[in-house]
Protein backbone atom coordinates (compact mmCIF):
# COMPACT_ATOMS: atom_id res chain seq x y z
CA MET A 1 65.84 21.48 13.97
CA GLN A 2 68.25 21.21 11.07
CA ARG A 3 66.66 19.31 7.87
CA SER A 4 68.51 17.72 5.35
CA TRP A 5 67.56 18.98 1.67
CA LYS A 6 65.84 15.27 1.56
CA GLU A 7 63.36 15.35 4.18
CA PHE A 8 62.75 19.28 3.13
CA PHE A 9 61.63 18.06 -0.39
CA LYS A 10 59.50 15.20 1.29
CA LEU A 11 57.47 17.67 3.63
CA ILE A 12 57.01 19.49 0.19
CA SER A 13 55.60 16.89 -1.37
CA ILE A 14 53.33 16.23 1.21
CA GLN A 15 52.16 19.53 1.58
CA GLY A 16 51.05 18.92 -2.06
CA LYS A 17 53.55 21.35 -4.09
CA ILE A 18 56.17 20.67 -6.57
CA ILE A 19 58.39 17.98 -5.68
CA LEU A 20 62.30 18.37 -6.79
CA GLY A 21 62.92 14.97 -5.08
CA ASP A 22 66.38 13.18 -4.71
CA ALA A 23 67.32 13.37 -9.17
CA MET A 24 66.04 16.55 -10.27
CA LEU A 25 67.86 18.53 -12.88
CA SER A 26 68.91 21.67 -13.30
CA GLU A 27 67.42 24.10 -15.83
CA LYS A 28 71.07 24.77 -16.60
CA GLU A 29 71.21 20.54 -17.18
CA VAL A 30 67.54 20.61 -18.99
CA LYS A 31 69.19 22.64 -21.40
CA GLU A 32 71.97 21.14 -22.45
CA LYS A 33 70.42 17.47 -22.37
CA VAL A 34 67.39 19.46 -24.57
CA LYS A 35 70.37 20.34 -27.21
CA LYS A 36 71.68 16.69 -27.15
CA GLY A 37 68.61 15.71 -27.96
CA TYR A 38 66.62 14.78 -25.38
CA LEU A 39 62.75 15.17 -25.16
CA LYS A 40 61.34 17.83 -22.61
CA VAL A 41 57.61 16.49 -21.91
CA TYR A 42 54.76 17.32 -19.84
CA MET A 43 52.35 14.95 -18.41
CA ALA A 44 49.08 14.92 -16.73
CA PHE A 45 47.95 12.21 -14.04
CA GLU A 46 44.37 11.55 -13.03
CA VAL A 47 42.98 9.28 -11.30
CA VAL A 48 39.04 9.08 -10.03
CA GLY A 49 37.41 6.66 -8.11
CA THR A 50 34.75 6.18 -5.30
CA ALA A 51 36.68 6.00 -2.10
CA ARG A 52 39.54 9.18 -1.40
CA ASP A 53 42.11 7.14 0.45
CA VAL A 54 42.23 4.45 -2.72
CA VAL A 55 42.33 7.43 -5.25
CA GLU A 56 44.92 9.77 -3.06
CA ASN A 57 47.31 6.24 -2.88
CA ALA A 58 46.84 4.94 -6.28
CA LEU A 59 48.28 8.46 -7.98
CA LYS A 60 50.98 8.74 -5.66
CA GLU A 61 52.29 5.28 -6.59
CA HIS A 62 51.88 5.53 -9.84
CA VAL A 63 53.45 8.61 -10.54
CA GLU A 64 56.20 7.47 -8.27
CA LYS A 65 56.12 4.42 -10.15
CA PHE A 66 56.92 6.63 -13.37
CA ALA A 67 59.11 8.99 -12.09
CA LYS A 68 61.83 5.79 -11.26
CA ASP A 69 61.68 4.43 -14.41
CA GLU A 70 65.14 4.53 -16.15
CA ARG A 71 63.57 6.16 -19.16
CA VAL A 72 62.68 9.05 -17.02
CA GLU A 73 64.99 12.34 -15.76
CA MET A 74 62.08 14.64 -13.70
CA ILE A 75 62.33 18.03 -13.84
CA SER A 76 59.30 18.50 -11.72
CA ARG A 77 56.61 17.37 -10.11
CA LYS A 78 53.19 18.91 -8.74
CA ASP A 79 50.19 17.06 -6.90
CA PHE A 80 47.21 18.60 -6.35
CA GLU A 81 44.35 18.01 -3.92
CA VAL A 82 41.67 15.49 -4.11
CA GLU A 83 38.76 16.89 -5.61
CA GLU A 84 35.04 15.94 -4.73
CA ILE A 85 33.47 15.61 -8.15
CA GLU A 86 29.94 14.23 -9.08
CA ALA A 87 29.26 11.90 -12.80
CA ARG A 88 25.99 10.75 -13.24
CA GLY A 89 24.68 11.37 -10.05
CA ARG A 90 27.61 9.40 -8.28
CA LYS A 91 29.93 11.02 -5.78
CA LEU A 92 32.88 10.21 -6.32
CA PHE A 93 37.24 11.43 -6.18
CA SER A 94 39.63 13.12 -8.00
CA LYS A 95 42.82 13.89 -7.92
CA PHE A 96 45.94 15.31 -10.64
CA SER A 97 49.58 15.86 -10.66
CA GLU A 98 51.63 16.96 -13.22
CA VAL A 99 55.29 16.50 -14.02
CA GLU A 100 57.66 17.22 -16.37
CA PHE A 101 60.43 15.38 -17.14
CA LEU A 102 63.58 14.03 -19.89
CA THR A 103 63.24 11.36 -22.07
CA ARG A 104 66.17 10.34 -24.62
CA THR A 105 63.87 9.43 -27.48
CA PHE A 106 60.66 9.48 -28.79
CA GLU A 107 60.27 5.92 -28.56
CA ASN A 108 60.57 6.26 -25.23
CA LEU A 109 57.82 8.52 -25.10
CA VAL A 110 55.39 6.65 -27.21
CA ASN A 111 56.13 3.41 -24.40
CA LEU A 112 55.84 5.89 -21.70
CA VAL A 113 52.53 7.08 -22.83
CA LEU A 114 51.60 3.45 -23.64
CA PHE A 115 52.65 1.96 -20.63
CA TYR A 116 51.36 4.76 -17.82
CA GLY A 117 48.15 6.46 -19.58
CA PRO A 118 48.62 10.32 -18.52
CA SER A 119 45.37 11.92 -18.94
CA ALA A 120 48.05 14.44 -21.48
CA CYS A 121 50.91 14.54 -23.17
CA GLU A 122 53.00 17.55 -24.36
CA ILE A 123 56.24 17.58 -25.81
CA LEU A 124 57.80 21.50 -24.68
CA ALA A 125 60.90 21.17 -26.39
CA PRO A 126 62.64 20.64 -28.71
CA GLU A 127 60.08 22.91 -31.78
CA ARG A 128 60.95 19.88 -34.64
CA ILE A 129 62.08 15.63 -33.69
CA GLU A 130 63.98 13.87 -36.41
CA ILE A 131 63.98 10.02 -35.44
CA GLU A 132 65.86 7.47 -37.74
CA LEU A 133 63.23 4.88 -39.38
CA GLY A 134 64.52 1.68 -37.31
CA GLU A 135 62.49 3.78 -34.46
CA ALA A 136 59.59 4.62 -36.35
CA GLN A 137 59.62 0.70 -37.18
CA SER A 138 60.10 -0.27 -33.41
CA ILE A 139 57.10 2.08 -32.62
CA LEU A 140 54.59 0.78 -35.30
CA ASN A 141 55.66 -2.48 -34.09
CA THR A 142 54.72 -1.98 -30.24
CA LEU A 143 51.61 -0.53 -31.66
CA GLY A 144 50.84 -3.11 -33.63
CA SER A 145 51.41 -6.13 -30.80
CA LEU A 146 49.59 -3.57 -28.70
CA MET A 147 46.79 -3.68 -30.71
CA HIS A 148 46.81 -7.76 -31.47
CA GLY A 149 46.84 -8.42 -27.52
CA LEU A 150 43.76 -6.09 -27.22
CA SER A 151 42.10 -8.15 -30.36
CA GLU A 152 42.51 -11.27 -28.46
CA ARG A 153 41.21 -10.31 -25.70
CA ILE A 154 37.96 -8.80 -27.27
CA GLY A 155 37.83 -11.16 -29.61
CA GLY A 156 39.71 -10.43 -32.60
CA ILE A 157 39.95 -7.42 -35.44
CA VAL A 158 37.17 -6.76 -38.02
CA VAL A 159 38.40 -7.18 -41.40
CA ARG A 160 36.10 -5.72 -44.24
CA ARG A 161 36.18 -5.88 -47.92
CA GLU A 162 35.11 -2.97 -49.25
């Protein structure tokens, strides 16, 4: 029985190996886009919980949603098996996924980190980035808005005079 590439990549993803999926980029495409100013990024995601199936499904859905985000151009994805761990005398389950992707701007990257909450994030390329003042201000306003929203939920920000 001959399988299509799409079926083949789906099979690979089920077996917990690198997923190349529908819209993965070639090495040549990655290099060209990095030359044009894109950021090549590594992120790791982890879910920990008390139920194996909940951990498995939650991480799968989260990473799939991430991969479909319009700010993300996927290069690769690797899913690891669920591991049983013990923390504070409790039996828990942990699962990791690693992704490499391209994103057009540093502002996109900051927003992806805020929205998806990776366990780790590393800019792999380029070695140096520059951002416009407007982009830096937008990032600061996003962070300020997030902090304001959090402070409303916990009862306000404490301001001290020295």
